[in-house]
Each structure stands twice: as C-alpha cells, then as structure tokens.
C-alpha atoms as a PDB file:
ATOM      1  CA  MET A   1     -10.973  27.686 -18.223  1.00  0.00           C
ATOM      2  CA  THR A   2      -8.671  25.396 -16.274  1.00  0.00           C
ATOM      3  CA  ARG A   3      -5.050  26.470 -16.595  1.00  0.00           C
ATOM      4  CA  ILE A   4      -1.864  24.436 -16.290  1.00  0.00           C
ATOM      5  CA  HIS A   5      -1.056  24.373 -12.555  1.00  0.00           C
ATOM      6  CA  LYS A   6       2.250  25.673 -11.205  1.00  0.00           C
ATOM      7  CA  PRO A   7       3.262  22.173  -9.897  1.00  0.00           C
ATOM      8  CA  ALA A   8       3.001  20.873 -13.459  1.00  0.00           C
ATOM      9  CA  LEU A   9       5.416  23.575 -14.624  1.00  0.00           C
ATOM     10  CA  ILE A  10       7.786  22.748 -11.766  1.00  0.00           C
ATOM     11  CA  ILE A  11       7.708  19.057 -12.691  1.00  0.00           C
ATOM     12  CA  ALA A  12       8.378  19.910 -16.318  1.00  0.00           C
ATOM     13  CA  ALA A  13      11.325  22.094 -15.332  1.00  0.00           C
ATOM     14  CA  LEU A  14      12.727  19.401 -13.076  1.00  0.00           C
ATOM     15  CA  THR A  15      12.308  16.838 -15.843  1.00  0.00           C
ATOM     16  CA  LEU A  16      14.256  19.045 -18.244  1.00  0.00           C
ATOM     17  CA  GLY A  17      16.883  19.590 -15.579  1.00  0.00           C
ATOM     18  CA  VAL A  18      17.248  15.873 -14.944  1.00  0.00           C
ATOM     19  CA  GLY A  19      17.522  15.262 -18.677  1.00  0.00           C
ATOM     20  CA  ALA A  20      20.251  17.855 -18.949  1.00  0.00           C
ATOM     21  CA  ALA A  21      22.076  16.303 -16.020  1.00  0.00           C
ATOM     22  CA  PHE A  22      22.110  12.909 -17.734  1.00  0.00           C
ATOM     23  CA  ALA A  23      23.210  14.484 -21.005  1.00  0.00           C
ATOM     24  CA  GLN A  24      26.097  16.362 -19.393  1.00  0.00           C
ATOM     25  CA  PRO A  25      27.907  14.246 -16.772  1.00  0.00           C
ATOM     26  CA  ASN A  26      29.412  16.363 -14.018  1.00  0.00           C
ATOM     27  CA  PRO A  27      32.511  14.848 -12.451  1.00  0.00           C
ATOM     28  CA  LYS A  28      32.118  17.252  -9.501  1.00  0.00           C
ATOM     29  CA  ALA A  29      28.620  16.026  -8.614  1.00  0.00           C
ATOM     30  CA  THR A  30      27.968  14.854  -5.066  1.00  0.00           C
ATOM     31  CA  PRO A  31      25.043  12.923  -3.538  1.00  0.00           C
ATOM     32  CA  GLU A  32      23.687  16.270  -2.347  1.00  0.00           C
ATOM     33  CA  SER A  33      23.666  17.660  -5.908  1.00  0.00           C
ATOM     34  CA  SER A  34      20.507  15.703  -6.762  1.00  0.00           C
ATOM     35  CA  GLU A  35      18.647  16.332  -3.499  1.00  0.00           C
ATOM     36  CA  VAL A  36      15.542  18.535  -3.748  1.00  0.00           C
ATOM     37  CA  TRP A  37      14.469  19.965  -0.380  1.00  0.00           C
ATOM     38  CA  GLU A  38      11.713  22.365  -1.390  1.00  0.00           C
ATOM     39  CA  PRO A  39       8.798  22.400  -1.556  1.00  0.00           C
ATOM     40  CA  GLN A  40       8.158  19.974   1.292  1.00  0.00           C
ATOM     41  CA  PRO A  41       4.952  17.882   1.022  1.00  0.00           C
ATOM     42  CA  LYS A  42       2.155  19.104   3.268  1.00  0.00           C
ATOM     43  CA  ILE A  43       1.352  16.962   6.272  1.00  0.00           C
ATOM     44  CA  VAL A  44      -1.911  15.014   5.977  1.00  0.00           C
ATOM     45  CA  THR A  45      -3.171  12.842   8.830  1.00  0.00           C
ATOM     46  CA  PRO A  46      -4.830   9.683   7.515  1.00  0.00           C
ATOM     47  CA  GLY A  47      -8.080   8.379   8.939  1.00  0.00           C
ATOM     48  CA  ASP A  48      -8.108   5.710  11.630  1.00  0.00           C
ATOM     49  CA  LYS A  49      -9.534   3.175   9.172  1.00  0.00           C
ATOM     50  CA  PRO A  50      -8.637   2.730   5.473  1.00  0.00           C
ATOM     51  CA  ASN A  51     -11.825   4.382   4.145  1.00  0.00           C
ATOM     52  CA  ASP A  52     -11.990   7.196   6.706  1.00  0.00           C
ATOM     53  CA  ALA A  53     -11.520  10.763   5.495  1.00  0.00           C
ATOM     54  CA  PRO A  54      -7.990  12.173   5.920  1.00  0.00           C
ATOM     55  CA  SER A  55      -7.409  15.479   7.680  1.00  0.00           C
ATOM     56  CA  ASP A  56      -7.469  17.629   4.528  1.00  0.00           C
ATOM     57  CA  ALA A  57     -10.635  16.116   3.047  1.00  0.00           C
ATOM     58  CA  LEU A  58     -13.984  17.843   2.695  1.00  0.00           C
ATOM     59  CA  VAL A  59     -16.664  15.478   3.973  1.00  0.00           C
ATOM     60  CA  LEU A  60     -19.550  15.680   1.508  1.00  0.00           C
ATOM     61  CA  PHE A  61     -21.786  13.311   3.466  1.00  0.00           C
ATOM     62  CA  ASP A  62     -21.233  12.498   7.140  1.00  0.00           C
ATOM     63  CA  GLY A  63     -24.213  10.211   7.613  1.00  0.00           C
ATOM     64  CA  LYS A  64     -26.441  12.924   9.082  1.00  0.00           C
ATOM     65  CA  ASN A  65     -27.776  15.289   6.427  1.00  0.00           C
ATOM     66  CA  LEU A  66     -27.514  16.534   2.843  1.00  0.00           C
ATOM     67  CA  ASP A  67     -26.427  20.070   3.733  1.00  0.00           C
ATOM     68  CA  ASN A  68     -23.641  19.940   1.127  1.00  0.00           C
ATOM     69  CA  TRP A  69     -26.030  18.921  -1.664  1.00  0.00           C
ATOM     70  CA  VAL A  70     -28.839  20.432  -3.721  1.00  0.00           C
ATOM     71  CA  SER A  71     -31.245  19.087  -6.303  1.00  0.00           C
ATOM     72  CA  ILE A  72     -30.245  19.747  -9.916  1.00  0.00           C
ATOM     73  CA  ASP A  73     -33.271  22.054 -10.164  1.00  0.00           C
ATOM     74  CA  GLY A  74     -31.730  24.249  -7.458  1.00  0.00           C
ATOM     75  CA  GLY A  75     -34.059  23.198  -4.644  1.00  0.00           C
ATOM     76  CA  ALA A  76     -33.291  21.163  -1.550  1.00  0.00           C
ATOM     77  CA  ALA A  77     -31.961  17.627  -2.001  1.00  0.00           C
ATOM     78  CA  LYS A  78     -34.897  15.339  -1.172  1.00  0.00           C
ATOM     79  CA  TRP A  79     -33.255  11.920  -1.051  1.00  0.00           C
ATOM     80  CA  PRO A  80     -34.032  10.293   2.331  1.00  0.00           C
ATOM     81  CA  VAL A  81     -31.304   9.947   4.976  1.00  0.00           C
ATOM     82  CA  LYS A  82     -31.474   6.990   7.359  1.00  0.00           C
ATOM     83  CA  ASP A  83     -29.006   4.941   9.436  1.00  0.00           C
ATOM     84  CA  GLY A  84     -25.959   6.867   8.240  1.00  0.00           C
ATOM     85  CA  ALA A  85     -26.751   6.607   4.530  1.00  0.00           C
ATOM     86  CA  PHE A  86     -28.969   8.274   1.958  1.00  0.00           C
ATOM     87  CA  THR A  87     -30.918   6.578  -0.807  1.00  0.00           C
ATOM     88  CA  VAL A  88     -31.868   7.609  -4.315  1.00  0.00           C
ATOM     89  CA  LEU A  89     -35.484   8.759  -4.332  1.00  0.00           C
ATOM     90  CA  PRO A  90     -36.889   7.454  -7.632  1.00  0.00           C
ATOM     91  CA  GLY A  91     -38.313  10.454  -9.413  1.00  0.00           C
ATOM     92  CA  GLY A  92     -36.632  12.786  -6.929  1.00  0.00           C
ATOM     93  CA  LYS A  93     -34.129  14.056  -9.544  1.00  0.00           C
ATOM     94  CA  ASP A  94     -30.334  14.015  -9.490  1.00  0.00           C
ATOM     95  CA  ILE A  95     -28.510  15.792  -6.688  1.00  0.00           C
ATOM     96  CA  LYS A  96     -25.176  17.613  -6.826  1.00  0.00           C
ATOM     97  CA  THR A  97     -22.678  19.191  -4.460  1.00  0.00           C
ATOM     98  CA  LYS A  98     -23.051  22.878  -3.735  1.00  0.00           C
ATOM     99  CA  LYS A  99     -19.312  23.314  -4.203  1.00  0.00           C
ATOM    100  CA  GLU A 100     -17.488  22.871  -7.511  1.00  0.00           C
ATOM    101  CA  PHE A 101     -14.117  21.168  -7.942  1.00  0.00           C
ATOM    102  CA  GLY A 102     -11.154  20.927 -10.311  1.00  0.00           C
ATOM    103  CA  ASP A 103      -8.658  18.087  -9.759  1.00  0.00           C
ATOM    104  CA  PHE A 104      -9.587  15.774  -6.896  1.00  0.00           C
ATOM    105  CA  GLN A 105      -9.508  12.453  -5.074  1.00  0.00           C
ATOM    106  CA  LEU A 106     -13.040  11.216  -4.345  1.00  0.00           C
ATOM    107  CA  HIS A 107     -14.205   8.404  -2.065  1.00  0.00           C
ATOM    108  CA  VAL A 108     -17.773   7.098  -2.397  1.00  0.00           C
ATOM    109  CA  GLU A 109     -19.458   4.074  -0.799  1.00  0.00           C
ATOM    110  CA  TRP A 110     -22.659   2.637  -2.274  1.00  0.00           C
ATOM    111  CA  HIS A 111     -24.835  -0.444  -2.434  1.00  0.00           C
ATOM    112  CA  SER A 112     -27.532  -1.641  -4.787  1.00  0.00           C
ATOM    113  CA  PRO A 113     -30.871  -2.961  -3.469  1.00  0.00           C
ATOM    114  CA  ALA A 114     -30.600  -6.342  -1.735  1.00  0.00           C
ATOM    115  CA  GLU A 115     -33.787  -7.599  -3.386  1.00  0.00           C
ATOM    116  CA  VAL A 116     -33.444  -8.397  -7.078  1.00  0.00           C
ATOM    117  CA  LYS A 117     -36.568  -9.091  -9.113  1.00  0.00           C
ATOM    118  CA  PRO A 118     -36.417 -11.549 -12.058  1.00  0.00           C
ATOM    119  CA  GLU A 119     -37.163  -8.823 -14.591  1.00  0.00           C
ATOM    120  CA  GLN A 120     -34.278  -6.660 -13.345  1.00  0.00           C
ATOM    121  CA  THR A 121     -31.388  -7.449 -15.667  1.00  0.00           C
ATOM    122  CA  SER A 122     -28.567  -5.622 -17.447  1.00  0.00           C
ATOM    123  CA  GLN A 123     -28.967  -1.854 -16.906  1.00  0.00           C
ATOM    124  CA  GLY A 124     -32.145  -2.357 -14.878  1.00  0.00           C
ATOM    125  CA  ARG A 125     -30.388  -3.522 -11.699  1.00  0.00           C
ATOM    126  CA  GLY A 126     -29.115  -1.039  -9.140  1.00  0.00           C
ATOM    127  CA  ASN A 127     -28.427   1.679 -11.691  1.00  0.00           C
ATOM    128  CA  SER A 128     -27.096   5.084 -10.670  1.00  0.00           C
ATOM    129  CA  GLY A 129     -24.015   7.107 -11.552  1.00  0.00           C
ATOM    130  CA  ILE A 130     -21.378   9.488 -10.234  1.00  0.00           C
ATOM    131  CA  PHE A 131     -20.824  12.425 -12.581  1.00  0.00           C
ATOM    132  CA  LEU A 132     -17.426  14.051 -12.147  1.00  0.00           C
ATOM    133  CA  GLN A 133     -17.715  17.810 -12.648  1.00  0.00           C
ATOM    134  CA  GLU A 134     -21.317  17.018 -13.724  1.00  0.00           C
ATOM    135  CA  ARG A 135     -19.941  15.733 -17.029  1.00  0.00           C
ATOM    136  CA  TYR A 136     -18.155  12.385 -16.851  1.00  0.00           C
ATOM    137  CA  GLU A 137     -20.108   9.414 -15.485  1.00  0.00           C
ATOM    138  CA  VAL A 138     -18.529   6.673 -13.430  1.00  0.00           C
ATOM    139  CA  GLN A 139     -21.205   4.011 -13.690  1.00  0.00           C
ATOM    140  CA  VAL A 140     -22.875   2.618 -10.576  1.00  0.00           C
ATOM    141  CA  LEU A 141     -24.588  -0.693 -11.336  1.00  0.00           C
ATOM    142  CA  ASP A 142     -25.260  -4.104  -9.808  1.00  0.00           C
ATOM    143  CA  ASN A 143     -23.083  -6.336 -12.000  1.00  0.00           C
ATOM    144  CA  TYR A 144     -22.938  -9.301  -9.649  1.00  0.00           C
ATOM    145  CA  ASN A 145     -23.918 -12.192 -11.951  1.00  0.00           C
ATOM    146  CA  ASN A 146     -25.576  -9.590 -14.166  1.00  0.00           C
ATOM    147  CA  LYS A 147     -24.165  -9.183 -17.662  1.00  0.00           C
ATOM    148  CA  THR A 148     -24.480  -5.913 -19.562  1.00  0.00           C
ATOM    149  CA  TYR A 149     -22.554  -4.078 -22.279  1.00  0.00           C
ATOM    150  CA  ALA A 150     -18.927  -3.842 -21.181  1.00  0.00           C
ATOM    151  CA  ASN A 151     -18.610  -0.066 -21.362  1.00  0.00           C
ATOM    152  CA  GLY A 152     -21.748   0.330 -19.259  1.00  0.00           C
ATOM    153  CA  GLN A 153     -20.931  -1.860 -16.272  1.00  0.00           C
ATOM    154  CA  ALA A 154     -19.964  -0.811 -12.754  1.00  0.00           C
ATOM    155  CA  SER A 155     -16.898   1.497 -12.592  1.00  0.00           C
ATOM    156  CA  ALA A 156     -16.887   2.125 -16.355  1.00  0.00           C
ATOM    157  CA  ILE A 157     -16.640   5.625 -17.729  1.00  0.00           C
ATOM    158  CA  TYR A 158     -20.081   5.195 -19.222  1.00  0.00           C
ATOM    159  CA  LYS A 159     -20.044   4.408 -22.954  1.00  0.00           C
ATOM    160  CA  GLN A 160     -16.296   5.149 -23.045  1.00  0.00           C
ATOM    161  CA  HIS A 161     -13.869   3.027 -21.007  1.00  0.00           C
ATOM    162  CA  ILE A 162     -14.341  -0.651 -20.105  1.00  0.00           C
ATOM    163  CA  PRO A 163     -13.198  -1.652 -16.588  1.00  0.00           C
ATOM    164  CA  MET A 164     -10.220  -3.993 -16.334  1.00  0.00           C
ATOM    165  CA  ALA A 165     -12.100  -6.121 -13.786  1.00  0.00           C
ATOM    166  CA  ASN A 166     -15.598  -6.742 -12.440  1.00  0.00           C
ATOM    167  CA  ALA A 167     -15.134  -6.368  -8.681  1.00  0.00           C
ATOM    168  CA  CYS A 168     -18.830  -6.167  -7.765  1.00  0.00           C
ATOM    169  CA  LYS A 169     -20.066  -7.549  -4.474  1.00  0.00           C
ATOM    170  CA  LYS A 170     -23.446  -9.203  -3.947  1.00  0.00           C
ATOM    171  CA  PRO A 171     -26.611  -7.065  -4.072  1.00  0.00           C
ATOM    172  CA  GLY A 172     -27.120  -5.201  -0.810  1.00  0.00           C
ATOM    173  CA  GLU A 173     -23.439  -5.319   0.225  1.00  0.00           C
ATOM    174  CA  TRP A 174     -21.541  -2.064   0.641  1.00  0.00           C
ATOM    175  CA  GLN A 175     -19.010  -1.300  -2.073  1.00  0.00           C
ATOM    176  CA  TYR A 176     -16.653   1.610  -2.610  1.00  0.00           C
ATOM    177  CA  TYR A 177     -14.953   3.634  -5.308  1.00  0.00           C
ATOM    178  CA  ASP A 178     -11.766   5.625  -4.942  1.00  0.00           C
ATOM    179  CA  ILE A 179     -11.612   7.999  -7.904  1.00  0.00           C
ATOM    180  CA  TYR A 180      -8.588  10.095  -8.879  1.00  0.00           C
ATOM    181  CA  PHE A 181      -9.494  12.799 -11.379  1.00  0.00           C
ATOM    182  CA  THR A 182      -7.493  15.346 -13.355  1.00  0.00           C
ATOM    183  CA  ALA A 183      -9.612  17.994 -15.068  1.00  0.00           C
ATOM    184  CA  PRO A 184      -9.059  18.883 -18.726  1.00  0.00           C
ATOM    185  CA  ARG A 185      -6.965  21.893 -19.678  1.00  0.00           C
ATOM    186  CA  PHE A 186      -8.021  24.406 -22.320  1.00  0.00           C
ATOM    187  CA  ASP A 187      -6.171  27.230 -24.038  1.00  0.00           C
ATOM    188  CA  LYS A 188      -7.448  30.807 -24.136  1.00  0.00           C
ATOM    189  CA  ASP A 189      -9.483  30.013 -27.261  1.00  0.00           C
ATOM    190  CA  GLY A 190     -11.206  27.021 -25.652  1.00  0.00           C
ATOM    191  CA  ARG A 191      -9.210  24.335 -27.445  1.00  0.00           C
ATOM    192  CA  VAL A 192      -8.289  21.190 -25.498  1.00  0.00           C
ATOM    193  CA  LEU A 193      -4.657  21.185 -24.377  1.00  0.00           C
ATOM    194  CA  LEU A 194      -5.047  18.054 -22.252  1.00  0.00           C
ATOM    195  CA  PRO A 195      -8.121  15.817 -21.848  1.00  0.00           C
ATOM    196  CA  ALA A 196      -9.484  14.806 -18.474  1.00  0.00           C
ATOM    197  CA  TYR A 197      -7.888  11.723 -16.908  1.00  0.00           C
ATOM    198  CA  VAL A 198      -9.345   9.346 -14.348  1.00  0.00           C
ATOM    199  CA  THR A 199      -8.259   6.365 -12.271  1.00  0.00           C
ATOM    200  CA  VAL A 200     -10.922   4.241 -10.559  1.00  0.00           C
ATOM    201  CA  VAL A 201     -10.369   1.676  -7.794  1.00  0.00           C
ATOM    202  CA  HIS A 202     -13.412  -0.530  -7.125  1.00  0.00           C
ATOM    203  CA  ASN A 203     -13.435  -2.363  -3.789  1.00  0.00           C
ATOM    204  CA  GLY A 204      -9.643  -2.189  -3.696  1.00  0.00           C
ATOM    205  CA  VAL A 205      -9.258  -3.502  -7.261  1.00  0.00           C
ATOM    206  CA  LEU A 206      -7.790  -1.217  -9.943  1.00  0.00           C
ATOM    207  CA  SER A 207     -10.525  -0.816 -12.527  1.00  0.00           C
ATOM    208  CA  LEU A 208      -9.381   2.086 -14.729  1.00  0.00           C
ATOM    209  CA  ASN A 209      -5.761   3.243 -14.787  1.00  0.00           C
ATOM    210  CA  HIS A 210      -5.267   6.904 -15.748  1.00  0.00           C
ATOM    211  CA  VAL A 211      -7.479   6.717 -18.830  1.00  0.00           C
ATOM    212  CA  ALA A 212      -8.117   9.762 -21.007  1.00  0.00           C
ATOM    213  CA  ILE A 213     -11.774  10.792 -21.059  1.00  0.00           C
ATOM    214  CA  TRP A 214     -13.093  11.545 -24.547  1.00  0.00           C
ATOM    215  CA  GLY A 215     -15.485  14.253 -23.395  1.00  0.00           C
ATOM    216  CA  PRO A 216     -18.748  14.575 -21.434  1.00  0.00           C
ATOM    217  CA  THR A 217     -20.796  11.380 -21.141  1.00  0.00           C
ATOM    218  CA  GLU A 218     -23.378  10.943 -23.892  1.00  0.00           C
ATOM    219  CA  TYR A 219     -26.114   8.309 -23.954  1.00  0.00           C
ATOM    220  CA  ILE A 220     -26.436   8.666 -27.734  1.00  0.00           C
ATOM    221  CA  GLY A 221     -23.651   9.896 -29.980  1.00  0.00           C
ATOM    222  CA  TRP A 222     -20.066  10.923 -29.353  1.00  0.00           C
ATOM    223  CA  PRO A 223     -18.678  13.295 -26.722  1.00  0.00           C
ATOM    224  CA  VAL A 224     -17.346  16.757 -27.524  1.00  0.00           C
ATOM    225  CA  TYR A 225     -15.390  18.923 -25.083  1.00  0.00           C
ATOM    226  CA  LYS A 226     -16.508  22.465 -24.350  1.00  0.00           C
ATOM    227  CA  PRO A 227     -14.338  24.762 -22.207  1.00  0.00           C
ATOM    228  CA  TYR A 228     -15.255  25.288 -18.560  1.00  0.00           C
ATOM    229  CA  GLU A 229     -13.580  25.937 -15.219  1.00  0.00           C
ATOM    230  CA  THR A 230     -14.871  23.598 -12.490  1.00  0.00           C
ATOM    231  CA  GLY A 231     -17.900  21.443 -11.731  1.00  0.00           C
ATOM    232  CA  SER A 232     -19.910  19.717  -9.015  1.00  0.00           C
ATOM    233  CA  ILE A 233     -20.146  16.046  -8.118  1.00  0.00           C
ATOM    234  CA  ARG A 234     -23.561  14.849  -9.306  1.00  0.00           C
ATOM    235  CA  LEU A 235     -25.329  11.633  -8.269  1.00  0.00           C
ATOM    236  CA  GLN A 236     -27.848  10.175 -10.677  1.00  0.00           C
ATOM    237  CA  ASP A 237     -31.457   9.231 -10.063  1.00  0.00           C
ATOM    238  CA  HIS A 238     -31.924   6.363 -12.536  1.00  0.00           C
ATOM    239  CA  GLY A 239     -35.067   5.068 -10.854  1.00  0.00           C
ATOM    240  CA  ASN A 240     -33.363   2.509  -8.589  1.00  0.00           C
ATOM    241  CA  PRO A 241     -33.046   2.984  -4.788  1.00  0.00           C
ATOM    242  CA  VAL A 242     -29.243   2.832  -4.628  1.00  0.00           C
ATOM    243  CA  ALA A 243     -27.809   3.864  -1.243  1.00  0.00           C
ATOM    244  CA  TYR A 244     -24.729   6.033  -0.574  1.00  0.00           C
ATOM    245  CA  ARG A 245     -22.604   6.789   2.485  1.00  0.00           C
ATOM    246  CA  ASN A 246     -19.155   8.050   3.578  1.00  0.00           C
ATOM    247  CA  ILE A 247     -18.486  10.474   0.734  1.00  0.00           C
ATOM    248  CA  TRP A 248     -15.415  12.689   0.953  1.00  0.00           C
ATOM    249  CA  ILE A 249     -13.161  14.582  -1.438  1.00  0.00           C
ATOM    250  CA  ARG A 250      -9.622  15.969  -1.457  1.00  0.00           C
ATOM    251  CA  GLU A 251      -8.875  18.869  -3.768  1.00  0.00           C
ATOM    252  CA  LEU A 252      -5.556  18.361  -5.534  1.00  0.00           C
END
C-alpha cells in the first residue's frame, strides 16, 4: 500500500512551524530566521524544446521500439512502429509499461486518424485512453467538432471529471497531454487516507486542476477503491488507429 511520503511529513511540520511563528511573534527574529536551506532541490536539466524529456525522465517511447511495453496478456506489444510513432492495432489488445509507478509527471503525444467517416461520431471517433496505474482513464478522443457526453470527452477522467475546456486540434494533428498524478494513500487496513489526484494539461490548456479521483474507471456503475502499491501506464485499444509518440515520465 502507498504510504505517506517523507516530503509530505516535512511539509506538514513546516506548515505547523509557520503557523506557530505567526501565532507567537518573535521580536528577535531576523530575515535569516525564516530561511530554509535544506534540502536543496535536485538539479534537473530541461529538454531543448518544451516537450522534450528532461534529464531525470524515463523515456517510455523514443520513436524506435516498444521495448518498455508489453501486451496486457503478458506477450510482446504488437502495435506497429513507423516514422517515430506507434499506432493502436485494432484487435491487438491494450499495452502497458513493464515498469510500475507511484506519483509521476507524464507526457504523451497522440493524434486521431486524419480521415473521418460520416458514421464516426461521439465515442466512435479516434477513441483510445491512457490508464494511470492501469486504473484511472484519461480519455483520448477526437472531439474536434464532435460532441459527446461531457465526462467522456478528450482529457476527461472517464465518466468522472469533465474537462474545463475542449482544446482538441483537427483530426490527424499531433496533440499532447501533460499529466501530473498523485497516487492514493491507504492505511494498514486498506482504507483510503487520501484519494488519487490528477492535473491534466491538454495542448497547453489546463483541462483538469488537481481533481480528486473517485476510484478506478468503470464503464458501468460507480468506482470503488481497493488498496494497492503501484501500477503501470496502460494504453487502450478501442478499435481506432490512434497514434502515439514522445512518451516520457518523471517519478515524483
């Protein structure tokens, strides 16, 4: 089960200390009294371009192969790789990362098919999904001039949280998500201490702002948390040839 991290305890202690300082004015205080020198933030070198992976990121897809991924049935990931991207193979099953994660920052670029047929509407257009820890789906969908239920459109936490904006580009154009995820915390008996939280930025537009996730994504019914430690990043085969590229993650 995921425990409360030491930084969270440090922040709580500092918060209590600051509160006490405000409650008890100290006439002998100096500017240096409120300076905190340790711990120093680690040095991270950003990428050359805004969407490039920083120095401490794990690159999950570098445009060459799916070595970091497996099929959900445990076999090799069969989605085809071409021209620096890979594409959902309809009927080829979901794929997931070999490694599991707790709290993280995730960058994913994707595009829906450029050709849109007249019968492809609502959830039938460019549908896929990014499952955080294999449980919580950030919806991938072509919502450019394509109306669907609000809690099922692109960048929604599927069937839970409605995005604050529809920032979809035209079909066939590359889009990106920056996802900031905090895993749920459970006590020793498996009860939820804190739910999972997520922030989603879609094409540079804030879509979801630190929303509490109700539990694992359910297509029918209501979510219920069950205790666990960590989980993989899973990409959904929903029968549409959605393409992905430049996927990296920072463990927090």
